[in-house]
PDB file of N, CA and C in Angstrom:
ATOM      1  N   MET A   1       0.847  -1.174   0.000  1.00  0.00           N
ATOM      2  CA  MET A   1       0.000   0.000   0.000  1.00  0.00           C
ATOM      3  C   MET A   1       0.894   1.239   0.000  1.00  0.00           C
ATOM      4  N   LEU A   2       0.657   2.107  -0.966  1.00  0.00           N
ATOM      5  CA  LEU A   2       1.461   3.310  -1.074  1.00  0.00           C
ATOM      6  C   LEU A   2       0.982   4.418  -0.144  1.00  0.00           C
ATOM      7  N   THR A   3      -0.322   4.625  -0.083  1.00  0.00           N
ATOM      8  CA  THR A   3      -0.890   5.728   0.687  1.00  0.00           C
ATOM      9  C   THR A   3      -2.100   5.218   1.457  1.00  0.00           C
ATOM     10  N   ASP A   4      -2.232   5.630   2.696  1.00  0.00           N
ATOM     11  CA  ASP A   4      -3.458   5.366   3.443  1.00  0.00           C
ATOM     12  C   ASP A   4      -4.402   6.514   3.100  1.00  0.00           C
ATOM     13  N   ASN A   5      -5.218   6.327   2.085  1.00  0.00           N
ATOM     14  CA  ASN A   5      -6.086   7.381   1.579  1.00  0.00           C
ATOM     15  C   ASN A   5      -7.156   7.796   2.569  1.00  0.00           C
ATOM     16  N   ILE A   6      -7.605   6.878   3.388  1.00  0.00           N
ATOM     17  CA  ILE A   6      -8.615   7.208   4.389  1.00  0.00           C
ATOM     18  C   ILE A   6      -8.029   8.177   5.406  1.00  0.00           C
ATOM     19  N   ALA A   7      -6.863   7.857   5.908  1.00  0.00           N
ATOM     20  CA  ALA A   7      -6.201   8.750   6.860  1.00  0.00           C
ATOM     21  C   ALA A   7      -5.821  10.064   6.194  1.00  0.00           C
ATOM     22  N   ARG A   8      -5.361   9.993   4.931  1.00  0.00           N
ATOM     23  CA  ARG A   8      -4.964  11.205   4.218  1.00  0.00           C
ATOM     24  C   ARG A   8      -6.158  12.121   4.014  1.00  0.00           C
ATOM     25  N   HIS A   9      -7.315  11.562   3.684  1.00  0.00           N
ATOM     26  CA  HIS A   9      -8.520  12.367   3.506  1.00  0.00           C
ATOM     27  C   HIS A   9      -8.863  13.100   4.797  1.00  0.00           C
ATOM     28  N   LYS A  10      -8.832  12.395   5.906  1.00  0.00           N
ATOM     29  CA  LYS A  10      -9.129  13.021   7.206  1.00  0.00           C
ATOM     30  C   LYS A  10      -8.098  14.090   7.550  1.00  0.00           C
ATOM     31  N   GLN A  11      -6.827  13.789   7.285  1.00  0.00           N
ATOM     32  CA  GLN A  11      -5.756  14.748   7.550  1.00  0.00           C
ATOM     33  C   GLN A  11      -5.939  16.006   6.693  1.00  0.00           C
ATOM     34  N   LEU A  12      -6.262  15.833   5.440  1.00  0.00           N
ATOM     35  CA  LEU A  12      -6.469  16.983   4.557  1.00  0.00           C
ATOM     36  C   LEU A  12      -7.653  17.824   5.017  1.00  0.00           C
ATOM     37  N   GLN A  13      -8.721  17.178   5.462  1.00  0.00           N
ATOM     38  CA  GLN A  13      -9.867  17.925   5.973  1.00  0.00           C
ATOM     39  C   GLN A  13      -9.457  18.799   7.151  1.00  0.00           C
ATOM     40  N   ALA A  14      -8.677  18.223   8.064  1.00  0.00           N
ATOM     41  CA  ALA A  14      -8.215  18.983   9.226  1.00  0.00           C
ATOM     42  C   ALA A  14      -7.280  20.118   8.811  1.00  0.00           C
ATOM     43  N   MET A  15      -6.376  19.823   7.903  1.00  0.00           N
ATOM     44  CA  MET A  15      -5.420  20.845   7.470  1.00  0.00           C
ATOM     45  C   MET A  15      -6.120  21.976   6.715  1.00  0.00           C
ATOM     46  N   LEU A  16      -7.106  21.648   5.886  1.00  0.00           N
ATOM     47  CA  LEU A  16      -7.849  22.686   5.189  1.00  0.00           C
ATOM     48  C   LEU A  16      -8.667  23.528   6.170  1.00  0.00           C
ATOM     49  N   GLY A  17      -9.184  22.892   7.214  1.00  0.00           N
ATOM     50  CA  GLY A  17      -9.891  23.634   8.256  1.00  0.00           C
ATOM     51  C   GLY A  17      -8.975  24.624   8.948  1.00  0.00           C
ATOM     52  N   GLN A  18      -7.786  24.185   9.286  1.00  0.00           N
ATOM     53  CA  GLN A  18      -6.807  25.075   9.917  1.00  0.00           C
ATOM     54  C   GLN A  18      -6.426  26.210   8.970  1.00  0.00           C
ATOM     55  N   LEU A  19      -6.166  25.869   7.727  1.00  0.00           N
ATOM     56  CA  LEU A  19      -5.805  26.882   6.744  1.00  0.00           C
ATOM     57  C   LEU A  19      -6.946  27.886   6.570  1.00  0.00           C
ATOM     58  N   GLY A  20      -8.173  27.402   6.588  1.00  0.00           N
ATOM     59  CA  GLY A  20      -9.331  28.284   6.483  1.00  0.00           C
ATOM     60  C   GLY A  20      -9.449  29.246   7.647  1.00  0.00           C
ATOM     61  N   ARG A  21      -9.070  28.798   8.832  1.00  0.00           N
ATOM     62  CA  ARG A  21      -9.106  29.687  10.000  1.00  0.00           C
ATOM     63  C   ARG A  21      -8.004  30.738   9.930  1.00  0.00           C
ATOM     64  N   GLU A  22      -6.855  30.361   9.391  1.00  0.00           N
ATOM     65  CA  GLU A  22      -5.714  31.274   9.349  1.00  0.00           C
ATOM     66  C   GLU A  22      -5.653  32.101   8.068  1.00  0.00           C
ATOM     67  N   LEU A  23      -6.339  31.672   7.030  1.00  0.00           N
ATOM     68  CA  LEU A  23      -6.339  32.341   5.733  1.00  0.00           C
ATOM     69  C   LEU A  23      -7.783  32.358   5.232  1.00  0.00           C
ATOM     70  N   SER A  24      -8.623  33.036   6.025  1.00  0.00           N
ATOM     71  CA  SER A  24     -10.062  32.912   5.818  1.00  0.00           C
ATOM     72  C   SER A  24     -10.544  33.450   4.475  1.00  0.00           C
ATOM     73  N   GLY A  25     -10.045  34.536   4.004  1.00  0.00           N
ATOM     74  CA  GLY A  25     -10.540  35.126   2.760  1.00  0.00           C
ATOM     75  C   GLY A  25     -10.411  34.200   1.569  1.00  0.00           C
ATOM     76  N   PRO A  26      -9.184  33.832   1.199  1.00  0.00           N
ATOM     77  CA  PRO A  26      -9.037  32.958   0.033  1.00  0.00           C
ATOM     78  C   PRO A  26      -9.713  31.597   0.192  1.00  0.00           C
ATOM     79  N   LEU A  27      -9.624  31.015   1.386  1.00  0.00           N
ATOM     80  CA  LEU A  27     -10.240  29.697   1.567  1.00  0.00           C
ATOM     81  C   LEU A  27     -11.755  29.771   1.572  1.00  0.00           C
ATOM     82  N   ALA A  28     -12.309  30.867   2.103  1.00  0.00           N
ATOM     83  CA  ALA A  28     -13.765  31.029   2.046  1.00  0.00           C
ATOM     84  C   ALA A  28     -14.209  31.171   0.591  1.00  0.00           C
ATOM     85  N   GLY A  29     -13.433  31.905  -0.181  1.00  0.00           N
ATOM     86  CA  GLY A  29     -13.741  32.039  -1.602  1.00  0.00           C
ATOM     87  C   GLY A  29     -13.666  30.707  -2.318  1.00  0.00           C
ATOM     88  N   PHE A  30     -12.628  29.929  -2.015  1.00  0.00           N
ATOM     89  CA  PHE A  30     -12.489  28.619  -2.638  1.00  0.00           C
ATOM     90  C   PHE A  30     -13.624  27.693  -2.209  1.00  0.00           C
ATOM     91  N   ALA A  31     -13.995  27.731  -0.931  1.00  0.00           N
ATOM     92  CA  ALA A  31     -15.094  26.890  -0.434  1.00  0.00           C
ATOM     93  C   ALA A  31     -16.399  27.252  -1.144  1.00  0.00           C
ATOM     94  N   SER A  32     -16.624  28.527  -1.373  1.00  0.00           N
ATOM     95  CA  SER A  32     -17.818  28.962  -2.078  1.00  0.00           C
ATOM     96  C   SER A  32     -17.792  28.492  -3.529  1.00  0.00           C
ATOM     97  N   LEU A  33     -16.632  28.598  -4.169  1.00  0.00           N
ATOM     98  CA  LEU A  33     -16.474  28.117  -5.536  1.00  0.00           C
ATOM     99  C   LEU A  33     -16.743  26.613  -5.609  1.00  0.00           C
ATOM    100  N   HIS A  34     -16.174  25.862  -4.668  1.00  0.00           N
ATOM    101  CA  HIS A  34     -16.364  24.410  -4.630  1.00  0.00           C
ATOM    102  C   HIS A  34     -17.840  24.058  -4.473  1.00  0.00           C
ATOM    103  N   LYS A  35     -18.498  24.730  -3.524  1.00  0.00           N
ATOM    104  CA  LYS A  35     -19.913  24.455  -3.263  1.00  0.00           C
ATOM    105  C   LYS A  35     -20.749  24.743  -4.507  1.00  0.00           C
ATOM    106  N   GLY A  36     -20.484  25.857  -5.160  1.00  0.00           N
ATOM    107  CA  GLY A  36     -21.241  26.215  -6.356  1.00  0.00           C
ATOM    108  C   GLY A  36     -20.965  25.279  -7.519  1.00  0.00           C
ATOM    109  N   ALA A  37     -19.708  24.929  -7.702  1.00  0.00           N
ATOM    110  CA  ALA A  37     -19.332  24.064  -8.823  1.00  0.00           C
ATOM    111  C   ALA A  37     -19.890  22.659  -8.662  1.00  0.00           C
ATOM    112  N   MET A  38     -19.992  22.170  -7.444  1.00  0.00           N
ATOM    113  CA  MET A  38     -20.439  20.803  -7.200  1.00  0.00           C
ATOM    114  C   MET A  38     -21.935  20.688  -6.905  1.00  0.00           C
ATOM    115  N   ALA A  39     -22.631  21.818  -6.891  1.00  0.00           N
ATOM    116  CA  ALA A  39     -24.070  21.793  -6.611  1.00  0.00           C
ATOM    117  C   ALA A  39     -24.818  21.096  -7.753  1.00  0.00           C
ATOM    118  N   PRO A  40     -25.939  20.467  -7.423  1.00  0.00           N
ATOM    119  CA  PRO A  40     -26.733  19.840  -8.484  1.00  0.00           C
ATOM    120  C   PRO A  40     -27.162  20.879  -9.512  1.00  0.00           C
ATOM    121  N   GLY A  41     -27.114  20.491 -10.744  1.00  0.00           N
ATOM    122  CA  GLY A  41     -27.541  21.351 -11.850  1.00  0.00           C
ATOM    123  C   GLY A  41     -27.857  20.445 -13.017  1.00  0.00           C
ATOM    124  N   THR A  42     -27.472  20.850 -14.198  1.00  0.00           N
ATOM    125  CA  THR A  42     -27.644  19.993 -15.361  1.00  0.00           C
ATOM    126  C   THR A  42     -26.853  18.703 -15.159  1.00  0.00           C
ATOM    127  N   LEU A  43     -25.657  18.834 -14.566  1.00  0.00           N
ATOM    128  CA  LEU A  43     -24.845  17.666 -14.208  1.00  0.00           C
ATOM    129  C   LEU A  43     -25.071  17.347 -12.734  1.00  0.00           C
ATOM    130  N   SER A  44     -25.121  16.072 -12.418  1.00  0.00           N
ATOM    131  CA  SER A  44     -25.290  15.650 -11.029  1.00  0.00           C
ATOM    132  C   SER A  44     -23.976  15.810 -10.269  1.00  0.00           C
ATOM    133  N   PRO A  45     -24.042  15.943  -8.934  1.00  0.00           N
ATOM    134  CA  PRO A  45     -22.805  15.981  -8.150  1.00  0.00           C
ATOM    135  C   PRO A  45     -21.921  14.755  -8.396  1.00  0.00           C
ATOM    136  N   LYS A  46     -22.525  13.585  -8.610  1.00  0.00           N
ATOM    137  CA  LYS A  46     -21.736  12.378  -8.887  1.00  0.00           C
ATOM    138  C   LYS A  46     -20.923  12.571 -10.160  1.00  0.00           C
ATOM    139  N   PHE A  47     -21.562  13.033 -11.202  1.00  0.00           N
ATOM    140  CA  PHE A  47     -20.871  13.236 -12.477  1.00  0.00           C
ATOM    141  C   PHE A  47     -19.772  14.288 -12.326  1.00  0.00           C
ATOM    142  N   LYS A  48     -20.053  15.339 -11.577  1.00  0.00           N
ATOM    143  CA  LYS A  48     -19.062  16.398 -11.353  1.00  0.00           C
ATOM    144  C   LYS A  48     -17.853  15.861 -10.583  1.00  0.00           C
ATOM    145  N   GLU A  49     -18.088  14.986  -9.605  1.00  0.00           N
ATOM    146  CA  GLU A  49     -16.979  14.389  -8.858  1.00  0.00           C
ATOM    147  C   GLU A  49     -16.142  13.491  -9.762  1.00  0.00           C
ATOM    148  N   LEU A  50     -16.789  12.779 -10.658  1.00  0.00           N
ATOM    149  CA  LEU A  50     -16.037  11.943 -11.598  1.00  0.00           C
ATOM    150  C   LEU A  50     -15.189  12.806 -12.535  1.00  0.00           C
ATOM    151  N   ILE A  51     -15.719  13.933 -12.972  1.00  0.00           N
ATOM    152  CA  ILE A  51     -14.929  14.859 -13.785  1.00  0.00           C
ATOM    153  C   ILE A  51     -13.721  15.344 -12.985  1.00  0.00           C
ATOM    154  N   ALA A  52     -13.958  15.757 -11.748  1.00  0.00           N
ATOM    155  CA  ALA A  52     -12.866  16.241 -10.898  1.00  0.00           C
ATOM    156  C   ALA A  52     -11.813  15.153 -10.690  1.00  0.00           C
ATOM    157  N   LEU A  53     -12.258  13.917 -10.526  1.00  0.00           N
ATOM    158  CA  LEU A  53     -11.317  12.809 -10.375  1.00  0.00           C
ATOM    159  C   LEU A  53     -10.474  12.645 -11.631  1.00  0.00           C
ATOM    160  N   GLY A  54     -11.107  12.695 -12.788  1.00  0.00           N
ATOM    161  CA  GLY A  54     -10.360  12.577 -14.038  1.00  0.00           C
ATOM    162  C   GLY A  54      -9.319  13.673 -14.182  1.00  0.00           C
ATOM    163  N   ILE A  55      -9.682  14.878 -13.813  1.00  0.00           N
ATOM    164  CA  ILE A  55      -8.734  15.991 -13.871  1.00  0.00           C
ATOM    165  C   ILE A  55      -7.609  15.785 -12.859  1.00  0.00           C
ATOM    166  N   ALA A  56      -7.945  15.308 -11.671  1.00  0.00           N
ATOM    167  CA  ALA A  56      -6.923  15.063 -10.644  1.00  0.00           C
ATOM    168  C   ALA A  56      -5.897  14.046 -11.129  1.00  0.00           C
ATOM    169  N   VAL A  57      -6.361  12.996 -11.797  1.00  0.00           N
ATOM    170  CA  VAL A  57      -5.449  11.975 -12.325  1.00  0.00           C
ATOM    171  C   VAL A  57      -4.604  12.565 -13.445  1.00  0.00           C
ATOM    172  N   ALA A  58      -5.233  13.278 -14.370  1.00  0.00           N
ATOM    173  CA  ALA A  58      -4.511  13.831 -15.512  1.00  0.00           C
ATOM    174  C   ALA A  58      -3.502  14.896 -15.106  1.00  0.00           C
ATOM    175  N   THR A  59      -3.767  15.589 -13.980  1.00  0.00           N
ATOM    176  CA  THR A  59      -2.838  16.633 -13.528  1.00  0.00           C
ATOM    177  C   THR A  59      -1.917  16.157 -12.402  1.00  0.00           C
ATOM    178  N   HIS A  60      -2.031  14.882 -12.033  1.00  0.00           N
ATOM    179  CA  HIS A  60      -1.107  14.230 -11.100  1.00  0.00           C
ATOM    180  C   HIS A  60      -1.186  14.773  -9.666  1.00  0.00           C
ATOM    181  N   CYS A  61      -2.401  15.009  -9.184  1.00  0.00           N
ATOM    182  CA  CYS A  61      -2.580  15.496  -7.812  1.00  0.00           C
ATOM    183  C   CYS A  61      -3.067  14.358  -6.921  1.00  0.00           C
ATOM    184  N   GLU A  62      -2.147  13.733  -6.228  1.00  0.00           N
ATOM    185  CA  GLU A  62      -2.484  12.567  -5.410  1.00  0.00           C
ATOM    186  C   GLU A  62      -3.481  12.908  -4.297  1.00  0.00           C
ATOM    187  N   ASP A  63      -3.332  14.071  -3.674  1.00  0.00           N
ATOM    188  CA  ASP A  63      -4.272  14.455  -2.620  1.00  0.00           C
ATOM    189  C   ASP A  63      -5.670  14.696  -3.193  1.00  0.00           C
ATOM    190  N   CYS A  64      -5.743  15.314  -4.372  1.00  0.00           N
ATOM    191  CA  CYS A  64      -7.039  15.518  -5.029  1.00  0.00           C
ATOM    192  C   CYS A  64      -7.682  14.182  -5.380  1.00  0.00           C
ATOM    193  N   ILE A  65      -6.863  13.212  -5.755  1.00  0.00           N
ATOM    194  CA  ILE A  65      -7.383  11.879  -6.077  1.00  0.00           C
ATOM    195  C   ILE A  65      -8.080  11.289  -4.858  1.00  0.00           C
ATOM    196  N   ALA A  66      -7.440  11.347  -3.699  1.00  0.00           N
ATOM    197  CA  ALA A  66      -8.056  10.823  -2.472  1.00  0.00           C
ATOM    198  C   ALA A  66      -9.380  11.527  -2.195  1.00  0.00           C
ATOM    199  N   TYR A  67      -9.395  12.836  -2.323  1.00  0.00           N
ATOM    200  CA  TYR A  67     -10.620  13.594  -2.067  1.00  0.00           C
ATOM    201  C   TYR A  67     -11.742  13.210  -3.029  1.00  0.00           C
ATOM    202  N   HIS A  68     -11.424  13.170  -4.311  1.00  0.00           N
ATOM    203  CA  HIS A  68     -12.488  12.993  -5.296  1.00  0.00           C
ATOM    204  C   HIS A  68     -12.931  11.541  -5.444  1.00  0.00           C
ATOM    205  N   VAL A  69     -12.071  10.574  -5.158  1.00  0.00           N
ATOM    206  CA  VAL A  69     -12.558   9.189  -5.086  1.00  0.00           C
ATOM    207  C   VAL A  69     -13.550   9.089  -3.927  1.00  0.00           C
ATOM    208  N   HIS A  70     -13.172   9.611  -2.779  1.00  0.00           N
ATOM    209  CA  HIS A  70     -14.050   9.594  -1.606  1.00  0.00           C
ATOM    210  C   HIS A  70     -15.393  10.240  -1.936  1.00  0.00           C
ATOM    211  N   ASP A  71     -15.327  11.467  -2.486  1.00  0.00           N
ATOM    212  CA  ASP A  71     -16.556  12.224  -2.724  1.00  0.00           C
ATOM    213  C   ASP A  71     -17.387  11.641  -3.870  1.00  0.00           C
ATOM    214  N   ALA A  72     -16.742  11.031  -4.867  1.00  0.00           N
ATOM    215  CA  ALA A  72     -17.490  10.387  -5.947  1.00  0.00           C
ATOM    216  C   ALA A  72     -18.286   9.196  -5.399  1.00  0.00           C
ATOM    217  N   LEU A  73     -17.653   8.398  -4.569  1.00  0.00           N
ATOM    218  CA  LEU A  73     -18.361   7.261  -3.967  1.00  0.00           C
ATOM    219  C   LEU A  73     -19.494   7.753  -3.081  1.00  0.00           C
ATOM    220  N   LYS A  74     -19.235   8.788  -2.308  1.00  0.00           N
ATOM    221  CA  LYS A  74     -20.259   9.345  -1.428  1.00  0.00           C
ATOM    222  C   LYS A  74     -21.443   9.879  -2.239  1.00  0.00           C
ATOM    223  N   ALA A  75     -21.155  10.387  -3.446  1.00  0.00           N
ATOM    224  CA  ALA A  75     -22.206  10.913  -4.324  1.00  0.00           C
ATOM    225  C   ALA A  75     -22.916   9.803  -5.105  1.00  0.00           C
ATOM    226  N   GLY A  76     -22.491   8.541  -4.910  1.00  0.00           N
ATOM    227  CA  GLY A  76     -23.177   7.420  -5.527  1.00  0.00           C
ATOM    228  C   GLY A  76     -22.476   6.784  -6.714  1.00  0.00           C
ATOM    229  N   ALA A  77     -21.253   7.188  -6.998  1.00  0.00           N
ATOM    230  CA  ALA A  77     -20.524   6.583  -8.115  1.00  0.00           C
ATOM    231  C   ALA A  77     -20.236   5.115  -7.821  1.00  0.00           C
ATOM    232  N   THR A  78     -20.251   4.322  -8.855  1.00  0.00           N
ATOM    233  CA  THR A  78     -19.938   2.897  -8.729  1.00  0.00           C
ATOM    234  C   THR A  78     -18.489   2.655  -9.140  1.00  0.00           C
ATOM    235  N   ARG A  79     -17.984   1.504  -8.780  1.00  0.00           N
ATOM    236  CA  ARG A  79     -16.629   1.124  -9.182  1.00  0.00           C
ATOM    237  C   ARG A  79     -16.455   1.187 -10.709  1.00  0.00           C
ATOM    238  N   PRO A  80     -17.392   0.618 -11.486  1.00  0.00           N
ATOM    239  CA  PRO A  80     -17.228   0.716 -12.943  1.00  0.00           C
ATOM    240  C   PRO A  80     -17.197   2.165 -13.443  1.00  0.00           C
ATOM    241  N   GLU A  81     -17.976   3.037 -12.837  1.00  0.00           N
ATOM    242  CA  GLU A  81     -17.956   4.449 -13.242  1.00  0.00           C
ATOM    243  C   GLU A  81     -16.616   5.094 -12.925  1.00  0.00           C
ATOM    244  N   VAL A  82     -16.079   4.807 -11.751  1.00  0.00           N
ATOM    245  CA  VAL A  82     -14.762   5.344 -11.388  1.00  0.00           C
ATOM    246  C   VAL A  82     -13.702   4.817 -12.358  1.00  0.00           C
ATOM    247  N   LEU A  83     -13.740   3.521 -12.639  1.00  0.00           N
ATOM    248  CA  LEU A  83     -12.742   2.940 -13.539  1.00  0.00           C
ATOM    249  C   LEU A  83     -12.849   3.516 -14.951  1.00  0.00           C
ATOM    250  N   GLU A  84     -14.061   3.723 -15.433  1.00  0.00           N
ATOM    251  CA  GLU A  84     -14.221   4.312 -16.761  1.00  0.00           C
ATOM    252  C   GLU A  84     -13.699   5.752 -16.782  1.00  0.00           C
ATOM    253  N   THR A  85     -13.912   6.473 -15.702  1.00  0.00           N
ATOM    254  CA  THR A  85     -13.360   7.820 -15.567  1.00  0.00           C
ATOM    255  C   THR A  85     -11.837   7.786 -15.652  1.00  0.00           C
ATOM    256  N   LEU A  86     -11.243   6.797 -15.007  1.00  0.00           N
ATOM    257  CA  LEU A  86      -9.785   6.663 -15.055  1.00  0.00           C
ATOM    258  C   LEU A  86      -9.304   6.392 -16.474  1.00  0.00           C
ATOM    259  N   GLY A  87     -10.081   5.631 -17.237  1.00  0.00           N
ATOM    260  CA  GLY A  87      -9.726   5.370 -18.622  1.00  0.00           C
ATOM    261  C   GLY A  87      -9.673   6.648 -19.444  1.00  0.00           C
ATOM    262  N   VAL A  88     -10.641   7.529 -19.233  1.00  0.00           N
ATOM    263  CA  VAL A  88     -10.647   8.812 -19.952  1.00  0.00           C
ATOM    264  C   VAL A  88      -9.481   9.675 -19.495  1.00  0.00           C
ATOM    265  N   ALA A  89      -9.182   9.668 -18.196  1.00  0.00           N
ATOM    266  CA  ALA A  89      -8.043  10.440 -17.682  1.00  0.00           C
ATOM    267  C   ALA A  89      -6.731   9.951 -18.290  1.00  0.00           C
ATOM    268  N   ILE A  90      -6.593   8.652 -18.441  1.00  0.00           N
ATOM    269  CA  ILE A  90      -5.385   8.090 -19.065  1.00  0.00           C
ATOM    270  C   ILE A  90      -5.313   8.518 -20.531  1.00  0.00           C
ATOM    271  N   LEU A  91      -6.445   8.503 -21.217  1.00  0.00           N
ATOM    272  CA  LEU A  91      -6.474   8.977 -22.600  1.00  0.00           C
ATOM    273  C   LEU A  91      -5.930  10.404 -22.682  1.00  0.00           C
ATOM    274  N   MET A  92      -6.366  11.251 -21.773  1.00  0.00           N
ATOM    275  CA  MET A  92      -6.000  12.665 -21.828  1.00  0.00           C
ATOM    276  C   MET A  92      -4.618  12.945 -21.250  1.00  0.00           C
ATOM    277  N   GLY A  93      -4.142  12.094 -20.344  1.00  0.00           N
ATOM    278  CA  GLY A  93      -2.874  12.363 -19.657  1.00  0.00           C
ATOM    279  C   GLY A  93      -1.747  11.410 -19.979  1.00  0.00           C
ATOM    280  N   GLY A  94      -2.007  10.360 -20.743  1.00  0.00           N
ATOM    281  CA  GLY A  94      -0.962   9.435 -21.156  1.00  0.00           C
ATOM    282  C   GLY A  94      -0.375   8.607 -20.025  1.00  0.00           C
ATOM    283  N   GLY A  95       0.886   8.217 -20.223  1.00  0.00           N
ATOM    284  CA  GLY A  95       1.576   7.334 -19.276  1.00  0.00           C
ATOM    285  C   GLY A  95       1.593   7.847 -17.848  1.00  0.00           C
ATOM    286  N   PRO A  96       1.943   9.129 -17.624  1.00  0.00           N
ATOM    287  CA  PRO A  96       1.926   9.618 -16.245  1.00  0.00           C
ATOM    288  C   PRO A  96       0.542   9.502 -15.594  1.00  0.00           C
ATOM    289  N   ALA A  97      -0.512   9.755 -16.367  1.00  0.00           N
ATOM    290  CA  ALA A  97      -1.859   9.618 -15.811  1.00  0.00           C
ATOM    291  C   ALA A  97      -2.156   8.163 -15.462  1.00  0.00           C
ATOM    292  N   ALA A  98      -1.615   7.219 -16.227  1.00  0.00           N
ATOM    293  CA  ALA A  98      -1.808   5.800 -15.906  1.00  0.00           C
ATOM    294  C   ALA A  98      -1.208   5.481 -14.538  1.00  0.00           C
ATOM    295  N   MET A  99      -0.066   6.090 -14.240  1.00  0.00           N
ATOM    296  CA  MET A  99       0.556   5.868 -12.931  1.00  0.00           C
ATOM    297  C   MET A  99      -0.311   6.433 -11.812  1.00  0.00           C
ATOM    298  N   TYR A 100      -0.885   7.618 -12.037  1.00  0.00           N
ATOM    299  CA  TYR A 100      -1.750   8.223 -11.023  1.00  0.00           C
ATOM    300  C   TYR A 100      -3.101   7.523 -10.948  1.00  0.00           C
ATOM    301  N   ALA A 101      -3.522   6.889 -12.035  1.00  0.00           N
ATOM    302  CA  ALA A 101      -4.740   6.079 -11.982  1.00  0.00           C
ATOM    303  C   ALA A 101      -4.566   4.925 -11.004  1.00  0.00           C
ATOM    304  N   CYS A 102      -3.337   4.421 -10.894  1.00  0.00           N
ATOM    305  CA  CYS A 102      -3.051   3.375  -9.895  1.00  0.00           C
ATOM    306  C   CYS A 102      -3.325   3.880  -8.489  1.00  0.00           C
ATOM    307  N   HIS A 103      -2.983   5.140  -8.224  1.00  0.00           N
ATOM    308  CA  HIS A 103      -3.288   5.736  -6.922  1.00  0.00           C
ATOM    309  C   HIS A 103      -4.802   5.797  -6.709  1.00  0.00           C
ATOM    310  N   ALA A 104      -5.526   6.121  -7.766  1.00  0.00           N
ATOM    311  CA  ALA A 104      -6.982   6.204  -7.659  1.00  0.00           C
ATOM    312  C   ALA A 104      -7.600   4.834  -7.388  1.00  0.00           C
ATOM    313  N   VAL A 105      -7.089   3.793  -8.023  1.00  0.00           N
ATOM    314  CA  VAL A 105      -7.588   2.439  -7.771  1.00  0.00           C
ATOM    315  C   VAL A 105      -7.312   2.045  -6.323  1.00  0.00           C
ATOM    316  N   GLU A 106      -6.136   2.392  -5.844  1.00  0.00           N
ATOM    317  CA  GLU A 106      -5.791   2.117  -4.448  1.00  0.00           C
ATOM    318  C   GLU A 106      -6.769   2.828  -3.506  1.00  0.00           C
ATOM    319  N   ALA A 107      -7.061   4.100  -3.783  1.00  0.00           N
ATOM    320  CA  ALA A 107      -8.016   4.852  -2.961  1.00  0.00           C
ATOM    321  C   ALA A 107      -9.400   4.235  -3.058  1.00  0.00           C
ATOM    322  N   LEU A 108      -9.803   3.872  -4.263  1.00  0.00           N
ATOM    323  CA  LEU A 108     -11.117   3.255  -4.468  1.00  0.00           C
ATOM    324  C   LEU A 108     -11.250   2.006  -3.612  1.00  0.00           C
ATOM    325  N   GLU A 109     -10.257   1.156  -3.629  1.00  0.00           N
ATOM    326  CA  GLU A 109     -10.328  -0.073  -2.848  1.00  0.00           C
ATOM    327  C   GLU A 109     -10.386   0.198  -1.356  1.00  0.00           C
ATOM    328  N   GLN A 110      -9.642   1.201  -0.902  1.00  0.00           N
ATOM    329  CA  GLN A 110      -9.666   1.526   0.526  1.00  0.00           C
ATOM    330  C   GLN A 110     -11.017   2.086   0.951  1.00  0.00           C
ATOM    331  N   PHE A 111     -11.558   3.034   0.169  1.00  0.00           N
ATOM    332  CA  PHE A 111     -12.844   3.606   0.538  1.00  0.00           C
ATOM    333  C   PHE A 111     -13.978   2.598   0.382  1.00  0.00           C
ATOM    334  N   GLU A 112     -13.904   1.710  -0.603  1.00  0.00           N
ATOM    335  CA  GLU A 112     -14.924   0.678  -0.762  1.00  0.00           C
ATOM    336  C   GLU A 112     -14.900  -0.293   0.411  1.00  0.00           C
ATOM    337  N   ALA A 113     -13.746  -0.495   1.006  1.00  0.00           N
ATOM    338  CA  ALA A 113     -13.613  -1.448   2.110  1.00  0.00           C
ATOM    339  C   ALA A 113     -14.210  -0.902   3.405  1.00  0.00           C
ATOM    340  N   GLY A 114     -14.809   0.278   3.343  1.00  0.00           N
ATOM    341  CA  GLY A 114     -15.510   0.785   4.518  1.00  0.00           C
ATOM    342  C   GLY A 114     -14.898   2.014   5.123  1.00  0.00           C
ATOM    343  N   GLY A 115     -13.941   2.605   4.485  1.00  0.00           N
ATOM    344  CA  GLY A 115     -13.301   3.796   5.046  1.00  0.00           C
ATOM    345  C   GLY A 115     -13.980   5.081   4.680  1.00  0.00           C
ATOM    346  N   GLN A 116     -15.097   5.025   3.954  1.00  0.00           N
ATOM    347  CA  GLN A 116     -15.813   6.232   3.576  1.00  0.00           C
ATOM    348  C   GLN A 116     -16.431   6.881   4.788  1.00  0.00           C
ATOM    349  N   SER A 117     -16.295   8.185   4.863  1.00  0.00           N
ATOM    350  CA  SER A 117     -16.962   8.901   5.972  1.00  0.00           C
ATOM    351  C   SER A 117     -17.686  10.108   5.464  1.00  0.00           C
TER     352      SER A 117
END
């Protein structure tokens, strides 16, 4: 196991909370942007989380991968949907994205095993 994604997700939540208290303006703006971008609309929150996951893989953000795998599952995404998203991310990001897709599969397995909160 490369990363404990469940622990990392919790750690990131705490760290973002601390950062929000110490850097309230920019983080409040980002939180508002996140809430608006992920709100139900023409696209469902599940679909939006899958898009975010694909972008996280293609841009090689391991912490974003942990967040968006967690949130995609919480929004109702299935394993096949996550895997298909990874396929599109690999198409767009090539070999490096394939390596980060491995991180996403690892996170998927951990959160599916009951670590979702």
